[in-house]
Amino acid sequence: MPVALRALDRGGILSIAGIHLSDVPPLTYERELFYEKEVRGVTSNTQEDGRSS
């Protein structure tokens, strides 16, 4: 996650989807979060999940 945040341009959005939870690694505010960067969590569903809803 920190590597991806450093690669974002000003105002970039990092979307994260996963199947398991883990601790968020330590972030350096200036290197990873300055310049209006955004982190979003997204859900990942299968086609079957959509049909059963």
Protein backbone atom coordinates (compact mmCIF):
# COMPACT_ATOMS: atom_id res chain seq x y z
CA MET A 1 0.00 0.00 0.00
CA PRO A 2 2.71 2.59 0.80
CA VAL A 3 4.44 1.87 -2.53
CA ALA A 4 1.18 2.37 -4.43
CA LEU A 5 0.46 5.62 -2.56
CA ARG A 6 3.91 6.99 -3.39
CA ALA A 7 3.28 6.21 -7.08
CA LEU A 8 0.05 8.24 -7.21
CA ASP A 9 -0.03 11.71 -8.70
CA ARG A 10 -1.51 14.66 -6.81
CA GLY A 11 -5.20 13.97 -6.21
CA GLY A 12 -4.86 10.28 -7.10
CA ILE A 13 -7.12 7.56 -5.71
CA LEU A 14 -5.94 4.16 -4.49
CA SER A 15 -8.74 1.58 -4.48
CA ILE A 16 -8.16 -1.51 -2.37
CA ALA A 17 -10.08 -4.77 -2.67
CA GLY A 18 -9.13 -7.92 -0.85
CA ILE A 19 -10.42 -11.16 0.53
CA HIS A 20 -8.80 -10.95 3.96
CA LEU A 21 -8.04 -8.30 6.53
CA SER A 22 -4.57 -7.40 7.67
CA ASP A 23 -3.08 -4.54 9.63
CA VAL A 24 -2.48 -1.31 7.76
CA PRO A 25 1.28 -0.78 7.53
CA PRO A 26 2.79 2.36 9.04
CA LEU A 27 2.47 5.33 6.69
CA THR A 28 4.64 8.43 6.47
CA TYR A 29 2.17 11.29 6.20
CA GLU A 30 4.33 13.44 3.94
CA ARG A 31 5.45 10.64 1.57
CA GLU A 32 2.19 8.69 1.25
CA LEU A 33 -0.74 10.97 2.13
CA PHE A 34 0.07 14.59 1.17
CA TYR A 35 -1.25 16.15 -2.03
CA GLU A 36 -4.92 15.20 -1.65
CA LYS A 37 -4.43 11.48 -2.23
CA GLU A 38 -7.34 9.24 -1.33
CA VAL A 39 -7.63 5.62 -0.19
CA ARG A 40 -10.90 3.79 -0.89
CA GLY A 41 -12.00 0.32 0.03
CA VAL A 42 -14.11 -1.45 -2.59
CA THR A 43 -16.11 -4.65 -2.47
CA SER A 44 -15.47 -7.52 -4.81
CA ASN A 45 -18.42 -9.71 -5.65
CA THR A 46 -18.85 -12.61 -8.02
CA GLN A 47 -21.64 -12.87 -10.58
CA GLU A 48 -23.25 -15.49 -8.35
CA ASP A 49 -23.26 -13.01 -5.44
CA GLY A 50 -25.22 -10.60 -7.64
CA ARG A 51 -27.73 -13.24 -8.70
CA SER A 52 -28.40 -14.35 -5.12
CA SER A 53 -29.10 -10.82 -3.84
